[in-house]
Amino acid sequence: MTGRRSLLTAAGTLLAMPALAQGNPVAQLNAMAARANAGTVGIVAGGVDGTYIRIAADLAAVLDDADRLRVIAMIGRGSVQNIADIMVLRGVDLGIVQSDVLAYARRERLFPSVDRLIQYVCKLYDEEIHILAAPGIASVQDLAGKAVNVDLPGSGTAMTASLVFSGLGVRVREENAPQDAALERLRRGEIAALVYVAGKPARLFAGVRPEEGLRLLPLPAEPALLDTYLPARFERADYPALVPEGGIETMAVGAVLAVYGWAPGTERHRKVSRFVDALTERFDAFLRPPRHPKWREVNLAAEVPGWTRFTPAR
């Protein structure tokens, strides 16, 4: 029905074009543009192969309501860049980011007033922090002074690894190889560990065999991490070759739907408020195929530590 409604709207616009020419076409086109833009919100997500862009595409598909509300999904370049785009880029109202991006932006002093200007609509789903280590490494503290791969510079994993190791007071020698190449280096003993932020079970580890001796390290819920991260667990069923019986603790970083903190009464605030209302009213549609399975982990009432909630989403 949504697609048919959009087609009918487009058809009606085309049929009206001869009438526009008889009057003042510039004024008529300006009126059409004002109507269209009044109901359009832009959301910046992730890369073309990632989960973020699929979540944004679902939002566009489910919430489309002709001129009243239209969601434009955009390819993004990582959580830090998405925050910058929300703050300064025209046409970007919302973005999907890792929940630790605010802590990172504060620590690095990347943006002025970021705590006030960047807020959240809702928490989406969790991504667990995996620290896969070589034989002989029993704890995160054992990695001090050793080579640890943290993915490519500017990636979400690199940002999270920097915050986690800093929070725990563990100084490692960070390396920046792609994750598949890092896994081979770990197998050869060239690095002590790799960090990977992903929803479990991660396909990267599917081919690891027990006889290789690699293990996921426990990451306990230390007070230094609890302001930013959530306690989580790996069970043996998640990774039979990497987790002992009884499972181990880890931490998780949430994916967050972030928004600029527009002042009430402004046009942009009204548009995003309309988006929030539609998301709430139609949320059940996200829980059914063909929508992404991660929607079933979303709790619209969940809070995000360290963030301020956008007022209409409270």
C-alpha atoms as a PDB file:
ATOM      1  CA  MET A   1       0.000   0.000   0.000  1.00  0.00           C
ATOM      2  CA  THR A   2       2.833   2.410   0.812  1.00  0.00           C
ATOM      3  CA  GLY A   3       4.451   1.982  -2.595  1.00  0.00           C
ATOM      4  CA  ARG A   4       1.094   2.346  -4.376  1.00  0.00           C
ATOM      5  CA  ARG A   5       0.329   5.532  -2.443  1.00  0.00           C
ATOM      6  CA  SER A   6       3.681   7.033  -3.485  1.00  0.00           C
ATOM      7  CA  LEU A   7       3.031   6.126  -7.139  1.00  0.00           C
ATOM      8  CA  LEU A   8      -0.407   7.714  -7.019  1.00  0.00           C
ATOM      9  CA  THR A   9       1.061  10.883  -5.505  1.00  0.00           C
ATOM     10  CA  ALA A  10       3.693  11.032  -8.245  1.00  0.00           C
ATOM     11  CA  ALA A  11       1.047  10.422 -10.924  1.00  0.00           C
ATOM     12  CA  GLY A  12      -1.113  13.208  -9.556  1.00  0.00           C
ATOM     13  CA  THR A  13       1.844  15.586  -9.626  1.00  0.00           C
ATOM     14  CA  LEU A  14       2.580  14.761 -13.269  1.00  0.00           C
ATOM     15  CA  LEU A  15      -1.063  15.245 -14.276  1.00  0.00           C
ATOM     16  CA  ALA A  16      -1.020  18.643 -12.612  1.00  0.00           C
ATOM     17  CA  MET A  17       1.988  19.888 -14.597  1.00  0.00           C
ATOM     18  CA  PRO A  18      -0.026  21.330 -17.553  1.00  0.00           C
ATOM     19  CA  ALA A  19      -2.050  23.330 -15.065  1.00  0.00           C
ATOM     20  CA  LEU A  20       1.130  24.715 -13.559  1.00  0.00           C
ATOM     21  CA  ALA A  21       2.197  26.079 -16.918  1.00  0.00           C
ATOM     22  CA  GLN A  22      -1.057  28.023 -17.244  1.00  0.00           C
ATOM     23  CA  GLY A  23      -0.466  29.884 -14.006  1.00  0.00           C
ATOM     24  CA  ASN A  24       2.816  30.904 -12.393  1.00  0.00           C
ATOM     25  CA  PRO A  25       5.028  27.799 -12.717  1.00  0.00           C
ATOM     26  CA  VAL A  26       7.770  29.158 -10.474  1.00  0.00           C
ATOM     27  CA  ALA A  27       5.355  29.865  -7.648  1.00  0.00           C
ATOM     28  CA  GLN A  28       3.629  26.513  -8.120  1.00  0.00           C
ATOM     29  CA  LEU A  29       6.923  24.609  -8.106  1.00  0.00           C
ATOM     30  CA  ASN A  30       8.030  26.496  -5.025  1.00  0.00           C
ATOM     31  CA  ALA A  31       4.797  25.461  -3.305  1.00  0.00           C
ATOM     32  CA  MET A  32       5.366  21.822  -4.311  1.00  0.00           C
ATOM     33  CA  ALA A  33       8.938  21.995  -2.989  1.00  0.00           C
ATOM     34  CA  ALA A  34       7.762  23.471   0.301  1.00  0.00           C
ATOM     35  CA  ARG A  35       5.196  20.686   0.719  1.00  0.00           C
ATOM     36  CA  ALA A  36       7.690  17.950  -0.088  1.00  0.00           C
ATOM     37  CA  ASN A  37      10.433  19.317   2.164  1.00  0.00           C
ATOM     38  CA  ALA A  38       8.052  19.909   5.059  1.00  0.00           C
ATOM     39  CA  GLY A  39       7.537  16.150   5.341  1.00  0.00           C
ATOM     40  CA  THR A  40      11.045  14.905   4.535  1.00  0.00           C
ATOM     41  CA  VAL A  41      13.688  13.794   7.049  1.00  0.00           C
ATOM     42  CA  GLY A  42      17.156  12.570   6.168  1.00  0.00           C
ATOM     43  CA  ILE A  43      18.892   9.755   8.055  1.00  0.00           C
ATOM     44  CA  VAL A  44      22.586   8.956   7.611  1.00  0.00           C
ATOM     45  CA  ALA A  45      23.508   5.332   8.309  1.00  0.00           C
ATOM     46  CA  GLY A  46      26.493   3.112   7.495  1.00  0.00           C
ATOM     47  CA  GLY A  47      28.218   1.410   4.584  1.00  0.00           C
ATOM     48  CA  VAL A  48      26.364  -0.394   1.834  1.00  0.00           C
ATOM     49  CA  ASP A  49      27.139  -3.864   3.268  1.00  0.00           C
ATOM     50  CA  GLY A  50      26.385  -3.047   6.897  1.00  0.00           C
ATOM     51  CA  THR A  51      23.370  -3.415   9.176  1.00  0.00           C
ATOM     52  CA  TYR A  52      22.900   0.323   9.734  1.00  0.00           C
ATOM     53  CA  ILE A  53      21.891   1.076   6.137  1.00  0.00           C
ATOM     54  CA  ARG A  54      19.440  -1.845   6.149  1.00  0.00           C
ATOM     55  CA  ILE A  55      17.820  -0.463   9.304  1.00  0.00           C
ATOM     56  CA  ALA A  56      17.574   2.970   7.648  1.00  0.00           C
ATOM     57  CA  ALA A  57      16.051   1.393   4.531  1.00  0.00           C
ATOM     58  CA  ASP A  58      13.438  -0.306   6.727  1.00  0.00           C
ATOM     59  CA  LEU A  59      12.582   3.058   8.282  1.00  0.00           C
ATOM     60  CA  ALA A  60      12.106   4.545   4.832  1.00  0.00           C
ATOM     61  CA  ALA A  61       9.931   1.646   3.661  1.00  0.00           C
ATOM     62  CA  VAL A  62       7.657   1.425   6.693  1.00  0.00           C
ATOM     63  CA  LEU A  63       7.217   5.109   7.551  1.00  0.00           C
ATOM     64  CA  ASP A  64       6.691   6.531   4.049  1.00  0.00           C
ATOM     65  CA  ASP A  65       3.449   8.525   3.983  1.00  0.00           C
ATOM     66  CA  ALA A  66       3.566  10.576   0.780  1.00  0.00           C
ATOM     67  CA  ASP A  67       4.149  14.304   1.469  1.00  0.00           C
ATOM     68  CA  ARG A  68       3.300  13.982   5.177  1.00  0.00           C
ATOM     69  CA  LEU A  69       6.450  11.966   5.956  1.00  0.00           C
ATOM     70  CA  ARG A  70       9.236  10.708   3.746  1.00  0.00           C
ATOM     71  CA  VAL A  71      12.510   9.220   5.046  1.00  0.00           C
ATOM     72  CA  ILE A  72      15.631   9.566   2.893  1.00  0.00           C
ATOM     73  CA  ALA A  73      18.279   6.951   3.804  1.00  0.00           C
ATOM     74  CA  MET A  74      21.913   7.912   3.137  1.00  0.00           C
ATOM     75  CA  ILE A  75      25.200   6.005   3.113  1.00  0.00           C
ATOM     76  CA  GLY A  76      27.401   7.107   6.037  1.00  0.00           C
ATOM     77  CA  ARG A  77      31.112   7.039   6.870  1.00  0.00           C
ATOM     78  CA  GLY A  78      31.165   5.902  10.486  1.00  0.00           C
ATOM     79  CA  SER A  79      29.798   7.081  13.820  1.00  0.00           C
ATOM     80  CA  VAL A  80      32.045  10.118  14.259  1.00  0.00           C
ATOM     81  CA  GLN A  81      31.335  11.423  10.760  1.00  0.00           C
ATOM     82  CA  ASN A  82      27.616  10.734  11.210  1.00  0.00           C
ATOM     83  CA  ILE A  83      27.595  12.917  14.338  1.00  0.00           C
ATOM     84  CA  ALA A  84      29.328  15.694  12.403  1.00  0.00           C
ATOM     85  CA  ASP A  85      26.820  15.333   9.561  1.00  0.00           C
ATOM     86  CA  ILE A  86      23.859  15.586  11.955  1.00  0.00           C
ATOM     87  CA  MET A  87      25.337  18.786  13.384  1.00  0.00           C
ATOM     88  CA  VAL A  88      26.293  20.627  10.198  1.00  0.00           C
ATOM     89  CA  LEU A  89      25.104  18.936   6.994  1.00  0.00           C
ATOM     90  CA  ARG A  90      21.948  20.235   5.340  1.00  0.00           C
ATOM     91  CA  GLY A  91      19.282  17.601   4.910  1.00  0.00           C
ATOM     92  CA  VAL A  92      20.572  15.302   7.667  1.00  0.00           C
ATOM     93  CA  ASP A  93      18.163  15.178  10.615  1.00  0.00           C
ATOM     94  CA  LEU A  94      19.008  11.785  12.139  1.00  0.00           C
ATOM     95  CA  GLY A  95      21.776   9.213  12.100  1.00  0.00           C
ATOM     96  CA  ILE A  96      22.574   5.707  13.315  1.00  0.00           C
ATOM     97  CA  VAL A  97      25.704   5.640  15.469  1.00  0.00           C
ATOM     98  CA  GLN A  98      27.422   3.610  18.174  1.00  0.00           C
ATOM     99  CA  SER A  99      26.407   4.728  21.651  1.00  0.00           C
ATOM    100  CA  ASP A 100      30.035   5.354  22.687  1.00  0.00           C
ATOM    101  CA  VAL A 101      30.566   8.027  20.036  1.00  0.00           C
ATOM    102  CA  LEU A 102      29.595  10.819  22.473  1.00  0.00           C
ATOM    103  CA  ALA A 103      32.149   9.663  25.032  1.00  0.00           C
ATOM    104  CA  TYR A 104      34.782   9.584  22.299  1.00  0.00           C
ATOM    105  CA  ALA A 105      33.793  13.033  20.977  1.00  0.00           C
ATOM    106  CA  ARG A 106      33.971  14.469  24.507  1.00  0.00           C
ATOM    107  CA  ARG A 107      37.368  12.933  25.204  1.00  0.00           C
ATOM    108  CA  GLU A 108      38.842  14.112  21.911  1.00  0.00           C
ATOM    109  CA  ARG A 109      37.050  17.499  22.064  1.00  0.00           C
ATOM    110  CA  LEU A 110      35.843  17.045  18.507  1.00  0.00           C
ATOM    111  CA  PHE A 111      32.727  19.236  18.541  1.00  0.00           C
ATOM    112  CA  PRO A 112      31.509  22.157  20.671  1.00  0.00           C
ATOM    113  CA  SER A 113      28.485  21.531  22.913  1.00  0.00           C
ATOM    114  CA  VAL A 114      28.089  17.983  21.570  1.00  0.00           C
ATOM    115  CA  ASP A 115      26.314  16.786  24.760  1.00  0.00           C
ATOM    116  CA  ARG A 116      23.616  19.415  24.304  1.00  0.00           C
ATOM    117  CA  LEU A 117      23.263  19.344  20.533  1.00  0.00           C
ATOM    118  CA  ILE A 118      23.263  15.583  19.922  1.00  0.00           C
ATOM    119  CA  GLN A 119      20.410  13.614  21.508  1.00  0.00           C
ATOM    120  CA  TYR A 120      18.782  10.256  20.872  1.00  0.00           C
ATOM    121  CA  VAL A 121      15.382   9.030  19.713  1.00  0.00           C
ATOM    122  CA  CYS A 122      15.817   5.416  20.769  1.00  0.00           C
ATOM    123  CA  LYS A 123      18.330   2.690  21.371  1.00  0.00           C
ATOM    124  CA  LEU A 124      18.333   0.092  18.628  1.00  0.00           C
ATOM    125  CA  TYR A 125      20.281  -3.144  19.231  1.00  0.00           C
ATOM    126  CA  ASP A 126      23.518  -4.197  20.930  1.00  0.00           C
ATOM    127  CA  GLU A 127      26.866  -5.130  19.403  1.00  0.00           C
ATOM    128  CA  GLU A 128      29.227  -7.122  21.616  1.00  0.00           C
ATOM    129  CA  ILE A 129      32.909  -6.294  22.128  1.00  0.00           C
ATOM    130  CA  HIS A 130      35.013  -9.285  21.058  1.00  0.00           C
ATOM    131  CA  ILE A 131      38.658  -9.482  22.131  1.00  0.00           C
ATOM    132  CA  LEU A 132      40.135 -12.573  20.504  1.00  0.00           C
ATOM    133  CA  ALA A 133      43.562 -13.427  21.935  1.00  0.00           C
ATOM    134  CA  ALA A 134      46.484 -15.694  21.188  1.00  0.00           C
ATOM    135  CA  PRO A 135      47.377 -18.712  23.382  1.00  0.00           C
ATOM    136  CA  GLY A 136      48.873 -17.666  26.712  1.00  0.00           C
ATOM    137  CA  ILE A 137      46.836 -14.447  27.033  1.00  0.00           C
ATOM    138  CA  ALA A 138      44.371 -14.871  29.906  1.00  0.00           C
ATOM    139  CA  SER A 139      43.095 -11.328  30.544  1.00  0.00           C
ATOM    140  CA  VAL A 140      42.872  -7.882  29.006  1.00  0.00           C
ATOM    141  CA  GLN A 141      45.627  -6.732  31.377  1.00  0.00           C
ATOM    142  CA  ASP A 142      47.976  -9.281  29.776  1.00  0.00           C
ATOM    143  CA  LEU A 143      47.779  -7.248  26.545  1.00  0.00           C
ATOM    144  CA  ALA A 144      49.687  -4.285  28.012  1.00  0.00           C
ATOM    145  CA  GLY A 145      52.540  -3.346  25.704  1.00  0.00           C
ATOM    146  CA  LYS A 146      51.525  -5.928  23.083  1.00  0.00           C
ATOM    147  CA  ALA A 147      50.348  -5.528  19.482  1.00  0.00           C
ATOM    148  CA  VAL A 148      46.548  -5.533  19.216  1.00  0.00           C
ATOM    149  CA  ASN A 149      44.618  -5.022  15.993  1.00  0.00           C
ATOM    150  CA  VAL A 150      41.700  -2.567  16.288  1.00  0.00           C
ATOM    151  CA  ASP A 151      40.478  -2.503  12.667  1.00  0.00           C
ATOM    152  CA  LEU A 152      40.917   0.412  10.262  1.00  0.00           C
ATOM    153  CA  PRO A 153      41.447   3.979  11.524  1.00  0.00           C
ATOM    154  CA  GLY A 154      38.153   5.794  12.055  1.00  0.00           C
ATOM    155  CA  SER A 155      36.129   2.595  12.346  1.00  0.00           C
ATOM    156  CA  GLY A 156      33.644   2.003  15.155  1.00  0.00           C
ATOM    157  CA  THR A 157      35.835  -0.813  16.492  1.00  0.00           C
ATOM    158  CA  ALA A 158      38.902   1.463  16.596  1.00  0.00           C
ATOM    159  CA  MET A 159      36.930   4.097  18.518  1.00  0.00           C
ATOM    160  CA  THR A 160      35.548   1.548  21.000  1.00  0.00           C
ATOM    161  CA  ALA A 161      38.934  -0.130  21.510  1.00  0.00           C
ATOM    162  CA  SER A 162      40.528   3.231  22.280  1.00  0.00           C
ATOM    163  CA  LEU A 163      37.875   4.018  24.911  1.00  0.00           C
ATOM    164  CA  VAL A 164      37.935   0.560  26.495  1.00  0.00           C
ATOM    165  CA  PHE A 165      41.715   0.261  26.819  1.00  0.00           C
ATOM    166  CA  SER A 166      41.950   3.837  28.078  1.00  0.00           C
ATOM    167  CA  GLY A 167      39.188   3.233  30.636  1.00  0.00           C
ATOM    168  CA  LEU A 168      40.934   0.112  31.926  1.00  0.00           C
ATOM    169  CA  GLY A 169      44.364   1.767  31.994  1.00  0.00           C
ATOM    170  CA  VAL A 170      45.826  -0.808  29.590  1.00  0.00           C
ATOM    171  CA  ARG A 171      48.222   0.613  27.000  1.00  0.00           C
ATOM    172  CA  VAL A 172      48.541  -1.546  23.904  1.00  0.00           C
ATOM    173  CA  ARG A 173      50.289  -1.107  20.575  1.00  0.00           C
ATOM    174  CA  GLU A 174      47.358  -0.514  18.254  1.00  0.00           C
ATOM    175  CA  GLU A 175      47.531  -1.878  14.720  1.00  0.00           C
ATOM    176  CA  ASN A 176      45.081  -1.155  11.901  1.00  0.00           C
ATOM    177  CA  ALA A 177      44.692  -4.099   9.550  1.00  0.00           C
ATOM    178  CA  PRO A 178      41.365  -5.274   8.078  1.00  0.00           C
ATOM    179  CA  GLN A 179      39.772  -7.848  10.360  1.00  0.00           C
ATOM    180  CA  ASP A 180      40.206 -10.864   8.069  1.00  0.00           C
ATOM    181  CA  ALA A 181      43.908 -10.075   7.617  1.00  0.00           C
ATOM    182  CA  ALA A 182      44.258  -9.502  11.385  1.00  0.00           C
ATOM    183  CA  LEU A 183      42.805 -12.948  12.122  1.00  0.00           C
ATOM    184  CA  GLU A 184      45.470 -14.565   9.940  1.00  0.00           C
ATOM    185  CA  ARG A 185      48.184 -12.523  11.679  1.00  0.00           C
ATOM    186  CA  LEU A 186      46.815 -13.650  15.040  1.00  0.00           C
ATOM    187  CA  ARG A 187      46.981 -17.265  13.917  1.00  0.00           C
ATOM    188  CA  ARG A 188      50.625 -16.785  12.909  1.00  0.00           C
ATOM    189  CA  GLY A 189      51.503 -15.222  16.267  1.00  0.00           C
ATOM    190  CA  GLU A 190      52.331 -11.798  14.802  1.00  0.00           C
ATOM    191  CA  ILE A 191      49.872  -9.974  17.092  1.00  0.00           C
ATOM    192  CA  ALA A 192      48.599 -10.747  20.583  1.00  0.00           C
ATOM    193  CA  ALA A 193      44.892 -10.059  19.981  1.00  0.00           C
ATOM    194  CA  LEU A 194      42.289  -8.409  17.804  1.00  0.00           C
ATOM    195  CA  VAL A 195      39.258  -6.349  18.838  1.00  0.00           C
ATOM    196  CA  TYR A 196      36.016  -6.610  16.896  1.00  0.00           C
ATOM    197  CA  VAL A 197      32.685  -4.916  17.674  1.00  0.00           C
ATOM    198  CA  ALA A 198      29.853  -6.917  16.116  1.00  0.00           C
ATOM    199  CA  GLY A 199      26.615  -8.635  16.977  1.00  0.00           C
ATOM    200  CA  LYS A 200      27.169 -12.212  18.086  1.00  0.00           C
ATOM    201  CA  PRO A 201      27.827 -14.668  16.583  1.00  0.00           C
ATOM    202  CA  ALA A 202      30.278 -12.882  14.286  1.00  0.00           C
ATOM    203  CA  ARG A 203      30.920 -14.612  10.964  1.00  0.00           C
ATOM    204  CA  LEU A 204      34.601 -13.630  11.181  1.00  0.00           C
ATOM    205  CA  PHE A 205      35.211 -16.363  13.768  1.00  0.00           C
ATOM    206  CA  ALA A 206      33.186 -19.127  12.113  1.00  0.00           C
ATOM    207  CA  GLY A 207      36.237 -21.004  10.835  1.00  0.00           C
ATOM    208  CA  VAL A 208      38.338 -20.881  14.017  1.00  0.00           C
ATOM    209  CA  ARG A 209      39.110 -24.407  15.311  1.00  0.00           C
ATOM    210  CA  PRO A 210      39.628 -25.390  18.974  1.00  0.00           C
ATOM    211  CA  GLU A 211      43.135 -26.751  18.306  1.00  0.00           C
ATOM    212  CA  GLU A 212      44.321 -23.273  17.269  1.00  0.00           C
ATOM    213  CA  GLY A 213      44.219 -22.226  20.937  1.00  0.00           C
ATOM    214  CA  LEU A 214      42.611 -18.830  20.350  1.00  0.00           C
ATOM    215  CA  ARG A 215      40.190 -17.604  23.022  1.00  0.00           C
ATOM    216  CA  LEU A 216      37.788 -14.741  23.602  1.00  0.00           C
ATOM    217  CA  LEU A 217      38.882 -12.773  26.660  1.00  0.00           C
ATOM    218  CA  PRO A 218      36.460 -11.863  29.440  1.00  0.00           C
ATOM    219  CA  LEU A 219      35.702  -8.151  29.691  1.00  0.00           C
ATOM    220  CA  PRO A 220      34.175  -7.620  33.152  1.00  0.00           C
ATOM    221  CA  ALA A 221      31.769  -4.775  33.905  1.00  0.00           C
ATOM    222  CA  GLU A 222      34.311  -2.404  35.451  1.00  0.00           C
ATOM    223  CA  PRO A 223      32.985   0.914  36.832  1.00  0.00           C
ATOM    224  CA  ALA A 224      35.135   2.795  34.300  1.00  0.00           C
ATOM    225  CA  LEU A 225      33.136   1.212  31.463  1.00  0.00           C
ATOM    226  CA  LEU A 226      29.603   1.210  32.851  1.00  0.00           C
ATOM    227  CA  ASP A 227      28.963   4.883  32.053  1.00  0.00           C
ATOM    228  CA  THR A 228      29.213   4.022  28.365  1.00  0.00           C
ATOM    229  CA  TYR A 229      28.740   0.272  27.890  1.00  0.00           C
ATOM    230  CA  LEU A 230      26.274  -2.420  28.907  1.00  0.00           C
ATOM    231  CA  PRO A 231      27.085  -5.791  30.510  1.00  0.00           C
ATOM    232  CA  ALA A 232      26.769  -8.740  28.123  1.00  0.00           C
ATOM    233  CA  ARG A 233      27.869 -12.365  27.873  1.00  0.00           C
ATOM    234  CA  PHE A 234      29.295 -14.859  25.449  1.00  0.00           C
ATOM    235  CA  GLU A 235      27.956 -18.372  25.928  1.00  0.00           C
ATOM    236  CA  ARG A 236      29.642 -21.516  24.714  1.00  0.00           C
ATOM    237  CA  ALA A 237      26.786 -21.968  22.235  1.00  0.00           C
ATOM    238  CA  ASP A 238      27.737 -18.634  20.629  1.00  0.00           C
ATOM    239  CA  TYR A 239      31.337 -19.721  19.949  1.00  0.00           C
ATOM    240  CA  PRO A 240      31.985 -23.383  20.838  1.00  0.00           C
ATOM    241  CA  ALA A 241      35.665 -23.111  19.874  1.00  0.00           C
ATOM    242  CA  LEU A 242      36.341 -19.853  21.721  1.00  0.00           C
ATOM    243  CA  VAL A 243      34.285 -19.783  24.950  1.00  0.00           C
ATOM    244  CA  PRO A 244      34.589 -22.153  27.949  1.00  0.00           C
ATOM    245  CA  GLU A 245      31.686 -23.925  29.620  1.00  0.00           C
ATOM    246  CA  GLY A 246      29.688 -21.464  31.709  1.00  0.00           C
ATOM    247  CA  GLY A 247      30.408 -18.547  29.352  1.00  0.00           C
ATOM    248  CA  ILE A 248      32.317 -15.304  29.951  1.00  0.00           C
ATOM    249  CA  GLU A 249      31.448 -11.670  30.614  1.00  0.00           C
ATOM    250  CA  THR A 250      31.879  -8.956  28.032  1.00  0.00           C
ATOM    251  CA  MET A 251      30.512  -5.489  27.331  1.00  0.00           C
ATOM    252  CA  ALA A 252      28.226  -4.319  24.564  1.00  0.00           C
ATOM    253  CA  VAL A 253      27.880  -1.037  22.726  1.00  0.00           C
ATOM    254  CA  GLY A 254      24.435  -0.008  21.572  1.00  0.00           C
ATOM    255  CA  ALA A 255      23.428   1.224  18.154  1.00  0.00           C
ATOM    256  CA  VAL A 256      21.546   4.482  18.681  1.00  0.00           C
ATOM    257  CA  LEU A 257      19.206   6.538  16.515  1.00  0.00           C
ATOM    258  CA  ALA A 258      20.678   9.994  17.083  1.00  0.00           C
ATOM    259  CA  VAL A 259      19.135  13.384  16.319  1.00  0.00           C
ATOM    260  CA  TYR A 260      20.024  17.057  16.487  1.00  0.00           C
ATOM    261  CA  GLY A 261      18.506  18.708  19.557  1.00  0.00           C
ATOM    262  CA  TRP A 262      16.245  21.125  17.705  1.00  0.00           C
ATOM    263  CA  ALA A 263      14.430  23.733  19.799  1.00  0.00           C
ATOM    264  CA  PRO A 264      10.670  23.105  20.217  1.00  0.00           C
ATOM    265  CA  GLY A 265       8.588  25.137  17.797  1.00  0.00           C
ATOM    266  CA  THR A 266      11.108  25.071  14.960  1.00  0.00           C
ATOM    267  CA  GLU A 267      10.280  23.458  11.621  1.00  0.00           C
ATOM    268  CA  ARG A 268      13.013  20.799  12.006  1.00  0.00           C
ATOM    269  CA  HIS A 269      11.744  19.912  15.496  1.00  0.00           C
ATOM    270  CA  ARG A 270       8.218  19.463  14.108  1.00  0.00           C
ATOM    271  CA  LYS A 271       9.469  17.217  11.298  1.00  0.00           C
ATOM    272  CA  VAL A 272      11.474  14.955  13.587  1.00  0.00           C
ATOM    273  CA  SER A 273       8.597  14.863  16.089  1.00  0.00           C
ATOM    274  CA  ARG A 274       6.349  13.615  13.279  1.00  0.00           C
ATOM    275  CA  PHE A 275       8.950  10.928  12.515  1.00  0.00           C
ATOM    276  CA  VAL A 276       9.031   9.861  16.188  1.00  0.00           C
ATOM    277  CA  ASP A 277       5.241   9.623  16.319  1.00  0.00           C
ATOM    278  CA  ALA A 278       5.160   7.475  13.176  1.00  0.00           C
ATOM    279  CA  LEU A 279       7.934   5.196  14.464  1.00  0.00           C
ATOM    280  CA  THR A 280       5.990   4.599  17.677  1.00  0.00           C
ATOM    281  CA  GLU A 281       2.632   4.072  15.981  1.00  0.00           C
ATOM    282  CA  ARG A 282       3.934   1.644  13.331  1.00  0.00           C
ATOM    283  CA  PHE A 283       6.598  -0.131  15.348  1.00  0.00           C
ATOM    284  CA  ASP A 284       4.884  -3.525  15.091  1.00  0.00           C
ATOM    285  CA  ALA A 285       5.505  -3.474  11.332  1.00  0.00           C
ATOM    286  CA  PHE A 286       9.253  -3.605  11.962  1.00  0.00           C
ATOM    287  CA  LEU A 287       8.904  -6.902  13.836  1.00  0.00           C
ATOM    288  CA  ARG A 288       7.647  -8.820  10.797  1.00  0.00           C
ATOM    289  CA  PRO A 289       9.420 -10.020   7.633  1.00  0.00           C
ATOM    290  CA  PRO A 290      10.927  -8.733   5.437  1.00  0.00           C
ATOM    291  CA  ARG A 291      12.348  -6.303   8.031  1.00  0.00           C
ATOM    292  CA  HIS A 292      15.788  -6.918   9.521  1.00  0.00           C
ATOM    293  CA  PRO A 293      15.799  -9.433  12.435  1.00  0.00           C
ATOM    294  CA  LYS A 294      17.665  -6.934  14.650  1.00  0.00           C
ATOM    295  CA  TRP A 295      14.414  -4.964  15.012  1.00  0.00           C
ATOM    296  CA  ARG A 296      13.244  -7.670  17.399  1.00  0.00           C
ATOM    297  CA  GLU A 297      15.929  -6.503  19.857  1.00  0.00           C
ATOM    298  CA  VAL A 298      14.692  -2.897  19.886  1.00  0.00           C
ATOM    299  CA  ASN A 299      13.009  -1.545  23.016  1.00  0.00           C
ATOM    300  CA  LEU A 300      11.742   1.973  22.364  1.00  0.00           C
ATOM    301  CA  ALA A 301      11.673   2.706  26.116  1.00  0.00           C
ATOM    302  CA  ALA A 302      15.316   1.690  26.765  1.00  0.00           C
ATOM    303  CA  GLU A 303      17.635   4.407  28.049  1.00  0.00           C
ATOM    304  CA  VAL A 304      21.151   5.109  26.768  1.00  0.00           C
ATOM    305  CA  PRO A 305      23.708   5.958  29.498  1.00  0.00           C
ATOM    306  CA  GLY A 306      25.437   9.293  28.939  1.00  0.00           C
ATOM    307  CA  TRP A 307      22.891  10.578  26.385  1.00  0.00           C
ATOM    308  CA  THR A 308      19.973  13.025  26.545  1.00  0.00           C
ATOM    309  CA  ARG A 309      16.677  11.863  25.084  1.00  0.00           C
ATOM    310  CA  PHE A 310      14.984  13.945  22.394  1.00  0.00           C
ATOM    311  CA  THR A 311      11.938  15.409  24.136  1.00  0.00           C
ATOM    312  CA  PRO A 312       9.168  13.996  21.878  1.00  0.00           C
ATOM    313  CA  ALA A 313      10.663  10.502  22.292  1.00  0.00           C
ATOM    314  CA  ARG A 314      10.356  10.496  26.100  1.00  0.00           C
END
